Amino acid sequence: MKDGDDVLVDRGRTKIKEGPAYLIRIDEEVFVKYLGKRPGGRVHVWSENRAFQPFEVELSDPNFEVIGQVVWHAHVSDYL
């Protein structure tokens, strides 16, 4: 996925499974990231773009939210 792509998000799928991408909120910003559960209620967060370093966050952190699973995406250039 690239910046500006269209995504379809299933807001009913918030249970974290490794593999699919998720739309998440951290503070007031929204991102598409990959997630993996870690021991102790932590979540490993990473991106397809290697320029962004992976990090971990507490699942219970009120500034973190899994909005839903990305179930479809399209590159903007596909429409042109």
N, C-alpha and C. Protein backbone atom coordinates (compact mmCIF):
# COMPACT_ATOMS: atom_id res chain seq x y z
N MET A 1 0.83 -1.17 0.00
CA MET A 1 0.00 0.00 0.00
C MET A 1 0.87 1.24 0.00
N LYS A 2 0.35 2.26 -0.63
CA LYS A 2 1.09 3.52 -0.71
C LYS A 2 0.21 4.65 -0.21
N ASP A 3 0.86 5.74 0.17
CA ASP A 3 0.14 6.93 0.62
C ASP A 3 -0.85 7.35 -0.45
N GLY A 4 -2.08 7.59 -0.06
CA GLY A 4 -3.11 8.00 -1.00
C GLY A 4 -3.96 6.87 -1.55
N ASP A 5 -3.60 5.61 -1.27
CA ASP A 5 -4.41 4.48 -1.73
C ASP A 5 -5.78 4.50 -1.06
N ASP A 6 -6.76 3.94 -1.73
CA ASP A 6 -8.08 3.74 -1.14
C ASP A 6 -8.06 2.43 -0.38
N VAL A 7 -8.69 2.41 0.80
CA VAL A 7 -8.79 1.19 1.58
C VAL A 7 -10.22 0.99 2.05
N LEU A 8 -10.61 -0.26 2.17
CA LEU A 8 -11.89 -0.63 2.74
C LEU A 8 -11.58 -1.33 4.06
N VAL A 9 -12.19 -0.85 5.13
CA VAL A 9 -11.89 -1.35 6.46
C VAL A 9 -13.15 -1.98 7.06
N ASP A 10 -13.00 -3.19 7.58
CA ASP A 10 -14.08 -3.86 8.29
C ASP A 10 -13.92 -3.52 9.77
N ARG A 11 -14.77 -2.61 10.27
CA ARG A 11 -14.68 -2.16 11.66
C ARG A 11 -15.08 -3.24 12.65
N GLY A 12 -15.68 -4.31 12.18
CA GLY A 12 -16.04 -5.42 13.05
C GLY A 12 -14.87 -6.36 13.32
N ARG A 13 -13.80 -6.20 12.59
CA ARG A 13 -12.62 -7.07 12.76
C ARG A 13 -11.52 -6.29 13.47
N THR A 14 -11.57 -6.29 14.78
CA THR A 14 -10.56 -5.58 15.56
C THR A 14 -9.67 -6.53 16.35
N LYS A 15 -10.00 -7.82 16.34
CA LYS A 15 -9.16 -8.81 17.01
C LYS A 15 -7.87 -8.99 16.21
N ILE A 16 -6.76 -8.82 16.86
CA ILE A 16 -5.46 -8.83 16.17
C ILE A 16 -5.04 -10.23 15.78
N LYS A 17 -4.75 -10.39 14.47
CA LYS A 17 -4.16 -11.62 13.92
C LYS A 17 -2.97 -11.19 13.08
N GLU A 18 -1.88 -11.91 13.15
CA GLU A 18 -0.73 -11.56 12.31
C GLU A 18 -1.06 -11.89 10.87
N GLY A 19 -0.70 -11.00 9.97
CA GLY A 19 -0.93 -11.20 8.55
C GLY A 19 -1.62 -10.03 7.91
N PRO A 20 -2.89 -9.77 8.26
CA PRO A 20 -3.58 -8.67 7.61
C PRO A 20 -3.13 -7.30 8.14
N ALA A 21 -3.40 -6.28 7.35
CA ALA A 21 -3.14 -4.90 7.77
C ALA A 21 -4.36 -4.39 8.54
N TYR A 22 -4.11 -3.42 9.40
CA TYR A 22 -5.17 -2.81 10.20
C TYR A 22 -5.10 -1.30 10.11
N LEU A 23 -6.25 -0.67 10.24
CA LEU A 23 -6.31 0.77 10.40
C LEU A 23 -6.29 1.01 11.90
N ILE A 24 -5.30 1.79 12.35
CA ILE A 24 -5.16 2.04 13.78
C ILE A 24 -5.11 3.54 14.03
N ARG A 25 -5.41 3.90 15.27
CA ARG A 25 -5.28 5.28 15.71
C ARG A 25 -4.28 5.32 16.85
N ILE A 26 -3.32 6.25 16.74
CA ILE A 26 -2.39 6.53 17.83
C ILE A 26 -2.49 8.03 18.07
N ASP A 27 -2.93 8.37 19.27
CA ASP A 27 -3.26 9.76 19.59
C ASP A 27 -4.31 10.24 18.59
N GLU A 28 -4.03 11.28 17.84
CA GLU A 28 -5.01 11.81 16.88
C GLU A 28 -4.70 11.42 15.43
N GLU A 29 -3.66 10.59 15.22
CA GLU A 29 -3.28 10.20 13.87
C GLU A 29 -3.77 8.80 13.54
N VAL A 30 -4.06 8.57 12.26
CA VAL A 30 -4.56 7.28 11.79
C VAL A 30 -3.55 6.71 10.80
N PHE A 31 -3.28 5.40 10.92
CA PHE A 31 -2.28 4.73 10.10
C PHE A 31 -2.79 3.37 9.64
N VAL A 32 -2.23 2.87 8.55
CA VAL A 32 -2.40 1.47 8.15
C VAL A 32 -1.10 0.77 8.53
N LYS A 33 -1.22 -0.23 9.42
CA LYS A 33 -0.04 -0.94 9.93
C LYS A 33 -0.36 -2.42 10.09
N TYR A 34 0.68 -3.19 10.27
CA TYR A 34 0.57 -4.61 10.58
C TYR A 34 0.78 -4.77 12.08
N LEU A 35 0.06 -5.71 12.68
CA LEU A 35 0.09 -5.87 14.12
C LEU A 35 0.37 -7.31 14.52
N GLY A 36 0.99 -7.46 15.65
CA GLY A 36 1.22 -8.78 16.21
C GLY A 36 1.14 -8.70 17.72
N LYS A 37 0.41 -9.61 18.34
CA LYS A 37 0.31 -9.63 19.80
C LYS A 37 1.62 -10.10 20.41
N ARG A 38 1.97 -9.50 21.52
CA ARG A 38 3.16 -9.87 22.27
C ARG A 38 2.75 -10.17 23.71
N PRO A 39 3.57 -10.88 24.44
CA PRO A 39 3.25 -11.17 25.84
C PRO A 39 3.07 -9.88 26.65
N GLY A 40 2.28 -9.98 27.69
CA GLY A 40 2.12 -8.85 28.60
C GLY A 40 1.18 -7.78 28.08
N GLY A 41 0.32 -8.11 27.11
CA GLY A 41 -0.64 -7.13 26.61
C GLY A 41 -0.04 -6.09 25.69
N ARG A 42 1.09 -6.41 25.09
CA ARG A 42 1.75 -5.48 24.17
C ARG A 42 1.42 -5.86 22.73
N VAL A 43 1.52 -4.86 21.85
CA VAL A 43 1.27 -5.06 20.43
C VAL A 43 2.49 -4.58 19.65
N HIS A 44 3.02 -5.45 18.80
CA HIS A 44 4.12 -5.09 17.90
C HIS A 44 3.49 -4.46 16.66
N VAL A 45 3.95 -3.27 16.28
CA VAL A 45 3.38 -2.50 15.16
C VAL A 45 4.48 -2.28 14.13
N TRP A 46 4.20 -2.65 12.86
CA TRP A 46 5.19 -2.42 11.81
C TRP A 46 4.50 -2.04 10.51
N SER A 47 5.31 -1.55 9.58
CA SER A 47 4.83 -1.04 8.31
C SER A 47 5.48 -1.78 7.16
N GLU A 48 4.82 -1.78 6.01
CA GLU A 48 5.45 -2.31 4.79
C GLU A 48 6.65 -1.45 4.42
N ASN A 49 6.55 -0.17 4.70
CA ASN A 49 7.60 0.79 4.37
C ASN A 49 8.71 0.67 5.42
N ARG A 50 9.87 0.19 5.02
CA ARG A 50 10.99 -0.05 5.93
C ARG A 50 11.57 1.25 6.49
N ALA A 51 11.18 2.40 5.94
CA ALA A 51 11.66 3.69 6.46
C ALA A 51 11.07 3.97 7.84
N PHE A 52 9.97 3.30 8.19
CA PHE A 52 9.34 3.47 9.49
C PHE A 52 9.73 2.32 10.40
N GLN A 53 10.34 2.64 11.51
CA GLN A 53 10.80 1.63 12.44
C GLN A 53 9.63 0.97 13.17
N PRO A 54 9.67 -0.34 13.36
CA PRO A 54 8.64 -1.00 14.16
C PRO A 54 8.72 -0.53 15.62
N PHE A 55 7.61 -0.67 16.30
CA PHE A 55 7.57 -0.28 17.70
C PHE A 55 6.52 -1.13 18.41
N GLU A 56 6.46 -1.01 19.73
CA GLU A 56 5.45 -1.71 20.51
C GLU A 56 4.64 -0.71 21.31
N VAL A 57 3.40 -1.09 21.56
CA VAL A 57 2.48 -0.26 22.32
C VAL A 57 1.66 -1.17 23.23
N GLU A 58 1.20 -0.65 24.35
CA GLU A 58 0.32 -1.40 25.24
C GLU A 58 -1.07 -1.45 24.63
N LEU A 59 -1.66 -2.63 24.55
CA LEU A 59 -3.02 -2.78 24.03
C LEU A 59 -4.00 -1.96 24.85
N SER A 60 -3.73 -1.79 26.12
CA SER A 60 -4.62 -1.04 27.01
C SER A 60 -4.41 0.48 26.95
N ASP A 61 -3.43 0.95 26.20
CA ASP A 61 -3.15 2.39 26.10
C ASP A 61 -4.36 3.11 25.53
N PRO A 62 -4.93 4.08 26.23
CA PRO A 62 -6.12 4.78 25.72
C PRO A 62 -5.84 5.60 24.47
N ASN A 63 -4.57 5.84 24.15
CA ASN A 63 -4.22 6.59 22.94
C ASN A 63 -4.03 5.69 21.73
N PHE A 64 -4.28 4.37 21.91
CA PHE A 64 -4.13 3.39 20.84
C PHE A 64 -5.48 2.72 20.60
N GLU A 65 -5.86 2.62 19.33
CA GLU A 65 -7.12 1.96 18.98
C GLU A 65 -6.97 1.19 17.67
N VAL A 66 -7.45 -0.04 17.65
CA VAL A 66 -7.56 -0.79 16.41
C VAL A 66 -8.93 -0.46 15.85
N ILE A 67 -8.96 0.29 14.75
CA ILE A 67 -10.23 0.72 14.15
C ILE A 67 -10.86 -0.42 13.39
N GLY A 68 -10.04 -1.20 12.67
CA GLY A 68 -10.55 -2.33 11.92
C GLY A 68 -9.51 -2.90 10.99
N GLN A 69 -9.85 -4.03 10.38
CA GLN A 69 -8.93 -4.73 9.47
C GLN A 69 -9.13 -4.22 8.05
N VAL A 70 -8.03 -3.99 7.36
CA VAL A 70 -8.09 -3.62 5.94
C VAL A 70 -8.45 -4.88 5.16
N VAL A 71 -9.57 -4.84 4.44
CA VAL A 71 -10.02 -6.01 3.69
C VAL A 71 -9.87 -5.83 2.18
N TRP A 72 -9.57 -4.59 1.75
CA TRP A 72 -9.39 -4.32 0.32
C TRP A 72 -8.62 -3.01 0.20
N HIS A 73 -7.78 -2.92 -0.83
CA HIS A 73 -7.13 -1.64 -1.11
C HIS A 73 -6.84 -1.54 -2.60
N ALA A 74 -6.74 -0.31 -3.08
CA ALA A 74 -6.45 -0.08 -4.51
C ALA A 74 -5.54 1.13 -4.62
N HIS A 75 -4.61 1.03 -5.55
CA HIS A 75 -3.73 2.16 -5.84
C HIS A 75 -4.50 3.20 -6.62
N VAL A 76 -4.32 4.45 -6.28
CA VAL A 76 -5.01 5.54 -6.97
C VAL A 76 -4.72 5.47 -8.47
N SER A 77 -3.50 5.11 -8.85
CA SER A 77 -3.11 5.06 -10.27
C SER A 77 -3.91 4.00 -11.03
N ASP A 78 -4.50 3.02 -10.32
CA ASP A 78 -5.30 1.99 -10.98
C ASP A 78 -6.55 2.57 -11.60
N TYR A 79 -6.98 3.74 -11.11
CA TYR A 79 -8.20 4.37 -11.61
C TYR A 79 -7.95 5.26 -12.82
N LEU A 80 -6.70 5.60 -13.05
CA LEU A 80 -6.39 6.56 -14.13
C LEU A 80 -6.17 5.87 -15.45
